[in-house]
């Protein structure tokens, strides 16, 4: 008997099960994980140049940056360049991943965890991060980057 309740239950079950293959595919191969972790090293190397435009070249044109050292969300190349030029790069940052979790879903990869930055060669400052990457053709770009200080640190 097709009651509205049964139809709703069937539809809910269908959509719940339809998402299982997507969830199951979130694991990366070791090669994929290495490739994604290398993107952080590439980004950090671009910081070392001191060139804000070079740092921004890691980001897709419409990428969103939610930075540690500014309350302003940056969603344009101009905004990201201004942040790196005026707020972040003058501190001569160097980053290192402390703990990471990498997930791969098709042409999207997510790297979340804790990184630590030294500024002007000083002591490391830990922060939480999430980089979301999207592969366009053969090249990965950051499409979302969130960084925030440790709430208990």
N, C-alpha and C. Protein backbone atom coordinates (compact mmCIF):
# COMPACT_ATOMS: atom_id res chain seq x y z
N UNK A 1 0.84 -1.17 0.00
CA UNK A 1 0.00 0.00 0.00
C UNK A 1 0.89 1.24 0.00
N UNK A 2 0.66 2.16 -0.92
CA UNK A 2 1.49 3.35 -1.08
C UNK A 2 0.91 4.51 -0.27
N UNK A 3 1.23 4.52 0.98
CA UNK A 3 0.80 5.65 1.81
C UNK A 3 1.90 6.71 1.76
N UNK A 4 1.57 7.95 2.05
CA UNK A 4 2.60 8.99 2.07
C UNK A 4 3.77 8.64 3.00
N UNK A 5 3.46 7.99 4.11
CA UNK A 5 4.51 7.60 5.06
C UNK A 5 5.45 6.59 4.44
N UNK A 6 4.92 5.58 3.76
CA UNK A 6 5.75 4.56 3.13
C UNK A 6 6.59 5.15 2.00
N UNK A 7 6.01 6.05 1.25
CA UNK A 7 6.75 6.71 0.16
C UNK A 7 7.90 7.53 0.75
N UNK A 8 7.62 8.24 1.83
CA UNK A 8 8.65 9.04 2.48
C UNK A 8 9.77 8.15 3.02
N UNK A 9 9.41 7.04 3.65
CA UNK A 9 10.41 6.11 4.16
C UNK A 9 11.26 5.53 3.04
N UNK A 10 10.62 5.13 1.95
CA UNK A 10 11.35 4.57 0.81
C UNK A 10 12.29 5.60 0.21
N UNK A 11 11.81 6.82 0.06
CA UNK A 11 12.66 7.88 -0.50
C UNK A 11 13.83 8.18 0.43
N UNK A 12 13.59 8.22 1.73
CA UNK A 12 14.67 8.47 2.69
C UNK A 12 15.72 7.37 2.64
N UNK A 13 15.27 6.13 2.58
CA UNK A 13 16.19 5.00 2.50
C UNK A 13 17.00 5.06 1.21
N UNK A 14 16.35 5.38 0.10
CA UNK A 14 17.04 5.48 -1.19
C UNK A 14 18.16 6.52 -1.12
N UNK A 15 17.84 7.72 -0.62
CA UNK A 15 18.85 8.78 -0.59
C UNK A 15 19.95 8.49 0.42
N UNK A 16 19.61 7.84 1.52
CA UNK A 16 20.63 7.48 2.50
C UNK A 16 21.60 6.47 1.90
N UNK A 17 21.08 5.47 1.21
CA UNK A 17 21.93 4.45 0.60
C UNK A 17 22.68 4.99 -0.60
N UNK A 18 22.10 5.93 -1.32
CA UNK A 18 22.76 6.49 -2.50
C UNK A 18 24.05 7.21 -2.12
N UNK A 19 24.13 7.74 -0.91
CA UNK A 19 25.33 8.44 -0.48
C UNK A 19 26.44 7.53 0.01
N UNK A 20 26.16 6.25 0.24
CA UNK A 20 27.17 5.34 0.76
C UNK A 20 28.39 5.20 -0.15
N UNK A 21 28.24 5.05 -1.47
CA UNK A 21 29.45 4.95 -2.29
C UNK A 21 30.33 6.19 -2.18
N UNK A 22 29.74 7.35 -2.06
CA UNK A 22 30.51 8.58 -1.92
C UNK A 22 31.30 8.56 -0.61
N UNK A 23 30.66 8.15 0.47
CA UNK A 23 31.35 8.09 1.75
C UNK A 23 32.44 7.04 1.74
N UNK A 24 32.19 5.92 1.11
CA UNK A 24 33.17 4.85 1.07
C UNK A 24 34.40 5.24 0.27
N UNK A 25 34.25 6.18 -0.68
CA UNK A 25 35.37 6.54 -1.54
C UNK A 25 36.20 7.68 -0.97
N UNK A 26 35.97 8.08 0.28
CA UNK A 26 36.69 9.22 0.84
C UNK A 26 38.14 8.89 1.20
N UNK A 27 38.49 7.62 1.23
CA UNK A 27 39.87 7.24 1.54
C UNK A 27 40.76 7.48 0.32
N UNK A 28 41.94 8.00 0.59
CA UNK A 28 42.92 8.24 -0.48
C UNK A 28 43.86 7.04 -0.57
N UNK A 29 44.39 6.83 -1.75
CA UNK A 29 45.48 5.88 -1.88
C UNK A 29 46.73 6.54 -1.28
N UNK A 30 47.74 5.76 -0.93
CA UNK A 30 48.97 6.38 -0.42
C UNK A 30 49.57 7.39 -1.40
N UNK A 31 49.49 7.10 -2.69
CA UNK A 31 50.01 8.02 -3.70
C UNK A 31 49.22 9.33 -3.69
N UNK A 32 47.89 9.23 -3.61
CA UNK A 32 47.05 10.44 -3.57
C UNK A 32 47.36 11.26 -2.31
N UNK A 33 47.48 10.58 -1.18
CA UNK A 33 47.76 11.29 0.07
C UNK A 33 49.09 12.04 -0.02
N UNK A 34 50.11 11.39 -0.57
CA UNK A 34 51.41 12.05 -0.75
C UNK A 34 51.29 13.26 -1.65
N UNK A 35 50.52 13.11 -2.72
CA UNK A 35 50.32 14.21 -3.67
C UNK A 35 49.64 15.40 -2.98
N UNK A 36 48.64 15.12 -2.16
CA UNK A 36 47.92 16.20 -1.48
C UNK A 36 48.81 16.85 -0.42
N UNK A 37 49.56 16.06 0.32
CA UNK A 37 50.47 16.63 1.32
C UNK A 37 51.56 17.48 0.67
N UNK A 38 51.98 17.11 -0.53
CA UNK A 38 52.98 17.89 -1.26
C UNK A 38 52.43 19.27 -1.64
N UNK A 39 51.12 19.38 -1.78
CA UNK A 39 50.52 20.68 -2.09
C UNK A 39 50.73 21.67 -0.96
N UNK A 40 50.73 21.18 0.28
CA UNK A 40 51.03 22.08 1.40
C UNK A 40 52.48 22.55 1.30
N UNK A 41 53.40 21.65 0.98
CA UNK A 41 54.81 22.03 0.85
C UNK A 41 54.98 23.06 -0.25
N UNK A 42 54.25 22.89 -1.35
CA UNK A 42 54.28 23.85 -2.46
C UNK A 42 53.77 25.22 -1.98
N UNK A 43 52.67 25.21 -1.23
CA UNK A 43 52.10 26.45 -0.71
C UNK A 43 53.08 27.13 0.25
N UNK A 44 53.68 26.34 1.16
CA UNK A 44 54.64 26.89 2.11
C UNK A 44 55.86 27.46 1.39
N UNK A 45 56.33 26.78 0.35
CA UNK A 45 57.47 27.29 -0.44
C UNK A 45 57.11 28.62 -1.10
N UNK A 46 55.86 28.76 -1.52
CA UNK A 46 55.46 30.04 -2.12
C UNK A 46 55.44 31.15 -1.06
N UNK A 47 55.12 30.81 0.19
CA UNK A 47 55.20 31.80 1.27
C UNK A 47 56.63 32.30 1.43
N UNK A 48 57.59 31.38 1.31
CA UNK A 48 59.00 31.73 1.51
C UNK A 48 59.51 32.72 0.48
N UNK A 49 58.83 32.83 -0.67
CA UNK A 49 59.26 33.79 -1.68
C UNK A 49 58.94 35.22 -1.26
N UNK A 50 57.97 35.39 -0.36
CA UNK A 50 57.55 36.72 0.04
C UNK A 50 56.68 37.42 -0.98
N UNK A 51 56.30 36.71 -2.02
CA UNK A 51 55.52 37.27 -3.13
C UNK A 51 54.05 36.85 -2.99
N UNK A 52 53.19 37.79 -2.62
CA UNK A 52 51.78 37.49 -2.38
C UNK A 52 51.09 36.94 -3.62
N UNK A 53 51.45 37.43 -4.80
CA UNK A 53 50.83 36.92 -6.03
C UNK A 53 51.22 35.46 -6.27
N UNK A 54 52.45 35.09 -5.90
CA UNK A 54 52.87 33.68 -6.04
C UNK A 54 52.10 32.79 -5.08
N UNK A 55 51.86 33.29 -3.89
CA UNK A 55 51.06 32.52 -2.93
C UNK A 55 49.65 32.35 -3.49
N UNK A 56 49.08 33.43 -3.99
CA UNK A 56 47.72 33.38 -4.52
C UNK A 56 47.60 32.46 -5.73
N UNK A 57 48.68 32.22 -6.44
CA UNK A 57 48.64 31.33 -7.61
C UNK A 57 48.28 29.89 -7.22
N UNK A 58 48.37 29.55 -5.95
CA UNK A 58 47.96 28.23 -5.47
C UNK A 58 46.44 28.10 -5.37
N UNK A 59 45.74 29.22 -5.41
CA UNK A 59 44.29 29.26 -5.18
C UNK A 59 43.54 29.38 -6.51
N UNK A 60 42.38 28.75 -6.58
CA UNK A 60 41.48 28.95 -7.73
C UNK A 60 41.01 30.41 -7.69
N UNK A 61 40.65 30.98 -8.83
CA UNK A 61 40.24 32.39 -8.86
C UNK A 61 39.13 32.75 -7.87
N UNK A 62 38.19 31.85 -7.65
CA UNK A 62 37.07 32.15 -6.75
C UNK A 62 37.21 31.46 -5.39
N UNK A 63 38.43 31.08 -5.04
CA UNK A 63 38.67 30.39 -3.76
C UNK A 63 38.34 31.30 -2.59
N UNK A 64 37.99 30.66 -1.49
CA UNK A 64 37.68 31.38 -0.26
C UNK A 64 38.79 31.13 0.75
N UNK A 65 39.30 32.20 1.32
CA UNK A 65 40.30 32.14 2.37
C UNK A 65 39.70 32.73 3.64
N UNK A 66 39.67 31.92 4.69
CA UNK A 66 39.26 32.39 6.02
C UNK A 66 40.53 32.36 6.86
N UNK A 67 41.24 33.50 6.92
CA UNK A 67 42.59 33.51 7.47
C UNK A 67 42.65 33.61 8.99
N UNK A 68 43.83 33.28 9.50
CA UNK A 68 44.07 33.34 10.94
C UNK A 68 44.21 34.77 11.45
N UNK A 69 44.89 35.61 10.69
CA UNK A 69 45.28 36.93 11.18
C UNK A 69 44.38 38.06 10.72
N UNK A 70 43.17 37.74 10.30
CA UNK A 70 42.23 38.76 9.84
C UNK A 70 40.81 38.27 10.05
N UNK A 71 39.92 39.17 10.39
CA UNK A 71 38.51 38.81 10.53
C UNK A 71 37.78 38.81 9.19
N UNK A 72 38.43 39.32 8.16
CA UNK A 72 37.80 39.45 6.85
C UNK A 72 37.97 38.18 6.02
N UNK A 73 36.86 37.66 5.52
CA UNK A 73 36.90 36.51 4.61
C UNK A 73 37.32 37.01 3.24
N UNK A 74 38.31 36.37 2.66
CA UNK A 74 38.85 36.78 1.36
C UNK A 74 38.33 35.83 0.28
N UNK A 75 37.60 36.36 -0.69
CA UNK A 75 36.99 35.51 -1.72
C UNK A 75 37.35 35.94 -3.14
N UNK A 76 38.33 36.82 -3.25
CA UNK A 76 38.83 37.23 -4.57
C UNK A 76 40.35 37.17 -4.53
N UNK A 77 40.93 37.11 -5.71
CA UNK A 77 42.38 37.13 -5.80
C UNK A 77 42.94 38.39 -5.15
N UNK A 78 42.32 39.52 -5.43
CA UNK A 78 42.78 40.79 -4.87
C UNK A 78 42.75 40.76 -3.34
N UNK A 79 41.69 40.21 -2.78
CA UNK A 79 41.57 40.13 -1.32
C UNK A 79 42.62 39.22 -0.71
N UNK A 80 42.85 38.07 -1.36
CA UNK A 80 43.86 37.14 -0.84
C UNK A 80 45.25 37.76 -0.93
N UNK A 81 45.55 38.39 -2.07
CA UNK A 81 46.87 39.01 -2.23
C UNK A 81 47.07 40.09 -1.17
N UNK A 82 46.05 40.91 -0.93
CA UNK A 82 46.16 41.96 0.09
C UNK A 82 46.42 41.36 1.47
N UNK A 83 45.73 40.26 1.79
CA UNK A 83 45.96 39.61 3.09
C UNK A 83 47.39 39.12 3.20
N UNK A 84 47.84 38.38 2.20
CA UNK A 84 49.20 37.84 2.28
C UNK A 84 50.24 38.97 2.29
N UNK A 85 50.06 39.96 1.45
CA UNK A 85 51.02 41.07 1.36
C UNK A 85 51.07 41.90 2.65
N UNK A 86 49.90 42.22 3.19
CA UNK A 86 49.83 43.17 4.30
C UNK A 86 49.84 42.54 5.69
N UNK A 87 49.32 41.33 5.81
CA UNK A 87 49.13 40.74 7.14
C UNK A 87 50.08 39.56 7.43
N UNK A 88 50.24 38.67 6.44
CA UNK A 88 50.89 37.40 6.73
C UNK A 88 52.37 37.37 6.32
N UNK A 89 52.67 37.71 5.09
CA UNK A 89 54.04 37.61 4.60
C UNK A 89 55.04 38.51 5.33
N UNK A 90 54.65 39.70 5.81
CA UNK A 90 55.63 40.50 6.56
C UNK A 90 56.18 39.80 7.81
N UNK A 91 55.48 38.78 8.30
CA UNK A 91 55.93 38.03 9.47
C UNK A 91 56.93 36.93 9.10
N UNK A 92 57.21 36.78 7.79
CA UNK A 92 58.12 35.74 7.29
C UNK A 92 57.72 34.35 7.83
N UNK A 93 56.51 33.92 7.52
CA UNK A 93 56.01 32.64 8.06
C UNK A 93 56.65 31.43 7.38
N UNK A 94 56.85 30.40 8.17
CA UNK A 94 57.23 29.09 7.66
C UNK A 94 56.36 28.08 8.39
N UNK A 95 55.70 27.22 7.61
CA UNK A 95 54.75 26.28 8.19
C UNK A 95 55.21 24.84 8.15
N UNK A 96 54.66 24.08 9.06
CA UNK A 96 54.93 22.64 9.12
C UNK A 96 53.66 21.95 9.61
N UNK A 97 53.27 20.91 8.91
CA UNK A 97 52.10 20.14 9.35
C UNK A 97 52.49 19.28 10.55
N UNK A 98 51.68 19.36 11.60
CA UNK A 98 51.91 18.59 12.81
C UNK A 98 51.06 17.32 12.78
N UNK A 99 49.81 17.45 12.37
CA UNK A 99 48.89 16.31 12.29
C UNK A 99 47.95 16.57 11.13
N UNK A 100 47.73 15.53 10.33
CA UNK A 100 46.88 15.72 9.15
C UNK A 100 45.90 14.57 8.96
N UNK A 101 44.81 14.90 8.30
CA UNK A 101 43.79 13.94 7.87
C UNK A 101 43.46 14.30 6.43
N UNK A 102 43.73 13.39 5.52
CA UNK A 102 43.50 13.66 4.10
C UNK A 102 42.39 12.74 3.60
N UNK A 103 41.44 13.34 2.89
CA UNK A 103 40.35 12.58 2.27
C UNK A 103 40.27 12.95 0.80
N UNK A 104 39.97 11.98 -0.03
CA UNK A 104 39.87 12.19 -1.48
C UNK A 104 38.51 11.73 -1.96
N UNK A 105 37.86 12.60 -2.73
CA UNK A 105 36.54 12.28 -3.29
C UNK A 105 36.56 12.77 -4.73
N UNK A 106 36.89 11.89 -5.64
CA UNK A 106 36.96 12.27 -7.05
C UNK A 106 38.03 13.32 -7.27
N UNK A 107 37.64 14.45 -7.86
CA UNK A 107 38.62 15.52 -8.13
C UNK A 107 38.67 16.55 -7.00
N UNK A 108 38.19 16.15 -5.82
CA UNK A 108 38.24 16.99 -4.62
C UNK A 108 39.09 16.27 -3.57
N UNK A 109 39.94 17.03 -2.89
CA UNK A 109 40.72 16.48 -1.78
C UNK A 109 40.65 17.46 -0.62
N UNK A 110 40.61 16.92 0.58
CA UNK A 110 40.52 17.73 1.79
C UNK A 110 41.67 17.35 2.71
N UNK A 111 42.41 18.34 3.13
CA UNK A 111 43.50 18.13 4.08
C UNK A 111 43.21 19.01 5.30
N UNK A 112 42.91 18.37 6.42
CA UNK A 112 42.59 19.08 7.66
C UNK A 112 43.52 18.62 8.75
N UNK A 113 43.76 19.48 9.71
CA UNK A 113 44.58 19.08 10.84
C UNK A 113 45.13 20.26 11.61
N UNK A 114 46.35 20.08 12.08
CA UNK A 114 47.05 21.11 12.84
C UNK A 114 48.37 21.39 12.16
N UNK A 115 48.65 22.66 11.96
CA UNK A 115 49.97 23.04 11.50
C UNK A 115 50.56 24.04 12.48
N UNK A 116 51.86 24.26 12.37
CA UNK A 116 52.53 25.22 13.24
C UNK A 116 53.34 26.16 12.36
N UNK A 117 53.27 27.44 12.68
CA UNK A 117 54.02 28.44 11.94
C UNK A 117 55.03 29.10 12.85
N UNK A 118 56.22 29.32 12.31
CA UNK A 118 57.17 30.20 12.96
C UNK A 118 57.11 31.52 12.21
N UNK A 119 57.22 32.59 12.95
CA UNK A 119 57.22 33.93 12.37
C UNK A 119 58.56 34.57 12.68
N UNK A 120 59.21 35.07 11.63
CA UNK A 120 60.53 35.69 11.78
C UNK A 120 61.50 34.76 12.51
N UNK A 121 61.37 33.45 12.28
CA UNK A 121 62.27 32.47 12.87
C UNK A 121 62.04 32.21 14.35
N UNK A 122 60.93 32.67 14.90
CA UNK A 122 60.65 32.51 16.32
C UNK A 122 60.10 31.14 16.68
N UNK A 123 59.38 31.09 17.79
CA UNK A 123 58.81 29.83 18.28
C UNK A 123 57.57 29.46 17.47
N UNK A 124 57.30 28.17 17.33
CA UNK A 124 56.13 27.72 16.56
C UNK A 124 54.81 28.10 17.23
N UNK A 125 53.86 28.50 16.40
CA UNK A 125 52.50 28.81 16.83
C UNK A 125 51.55 27.83 16.14
N UNK A 126 50.91 26.93 16.90
CA UNK A 126 50.00 25.97 16.28
C UNK A 126 48.67 26.61 15.89
N UNK A 127 48.08 26.07 14.86
CA UNK A 127 46.76 26.52 14.39
C UNK A 127 46.06 25.33 13.74
N UNK A 128 44.75 25.41 13.71
CA UNK A 128 43.95 24.40 12.99
C UNK A 128 43.81 24.85 11.55
N UNK A 129 43.71 23.89 10.64
CA UNK A 129 43.58 24.25 9.23
C UNK A 129 42.68 23.27 8.49
N UNK A 130 42.12 23.75 7.41
CA UNK A 130 41.48 22.91 6.40
C UNK A 130 41.79 23.52 5.05
N UNK A 131 42.37 22.71 4.18
CA UNK A 131 42.53 23.05 2.78
C UNK A 131 41.60 22.14 1.99
N UNK A 132 40.80 22.71 1.12
CA UNK A 132 40.00 21.92 0.18
C UNK A 132 40.58 22.22 -1.20
N UNK A 133 40.96 21.17 -1.89
CA UNK A 133 41.56 21.29 -3.22
C UNK A 133 40.61 20.73 -4.27
N UNK A 134 40.70 21.29 -5.45
CA UNK A 134 39.98 20.74 -6.59
C UNK A 134 40.96 20.63 -7.74
N UNK A 135 40.89 19.50 -8.43
CA UNK A 135 41.77 19.28 -9.56
C UNK A 135 41.09 19.77 -10.83
N UNK A 136 41.74 20.71 -11.49
CA UNK A 136 41.29 21.25 -12.78
C UNK A 136 42.28 20.74 -13.81
N UNK A 137 41.83 19.83 -14.68
CA UNK A 137 42.76 19.21 -15.62
C UNK A 137 43.76 18.36 -14.84
N UNK A 138 45.03 18.71 -14.94
CA UNK A 138 46.07 17.97 -14.22
C UNK A 138 46.62 18.73 -13.01
N UNK A 139 46.04 19.87 -12.69
CA UNK A 139 46.59 20.72 -11.62
C UNK A 139 45.59 20.91 -10.49
N UNK A 140 46.09 20.80 -9.27
CA UNK A 140 45.29 21.03 -8.08
C UNK A 140 45.34 22.50 -7.68
N UNK A 141 44.20 23.03 -7.27
CA UNK A 141 44.11 24.39 -6.75
C UNK A 141 43.36 24.37 -5.43
N UNK A 142 43.71 25.27 -4.55
CA UNK A 142 42.98 25.45 -3.30
C UNK A 142 41.67 26.15 -3.65
N UNK A 143 40.55 25.57 -3.21
CA UNK A 143 39.26 26.24 -3.43
C UNK A 143 38.67 26.76 -2.11
N UNK A 144 39.20 26.27 -1.00
CA UNK A 144 38.75 26.72 0.32
C UNK A 144 39.91 26.52 1.29
N UNK A 145 40.20 27.53 2.08
CA UNK A 145 41.28 27.44 3.07
C UNK A 145 40.81 28.15 4.33
N UNK A 146 40.75 27.41 5.41
CA UNK A 146 40.36 27.97 6.70
C UNK A 146 41.48 27.71 7.69
N UNK A 147 41.85 28.73 8.42
CA UNK A 147 42.90 28.61 9.42
C UNK A 147 42.48 29.39 10.65
N UNK A 148 42.66 28.78 11.81
CA UNK A 148 42.30 29.48 13.05
C UNK A 148 43.23 29.05 14.17
N UNK A 149 43.48 29.98 15.07
CA UNK A 149 44.32 29.69 16.22
C UNK A 149 43.69 28.63 17.10
N UNK A 150 44.52 28.00 17.89
CA UNK A 150 44.04 26.97 18.80
C UNK A 150 43.27 27.63 19.94
N UNK A 151 42.05 27.19 20.20
CA UNK A 151 41.24 27.84 21.23
C UNK A 151 41.79 27.66 22.65
N UNK A 152 42.56 26.62 22.85
CA UNK A 152 43.11 26.36 24.18
C UNK A 152 44.60 26.65 24.24
N UNK A 153 45.11 27.33 23.20
CA UNK A 153 46.56 27.54 23.15
C UNK A 153 46.99 28.93 23.38
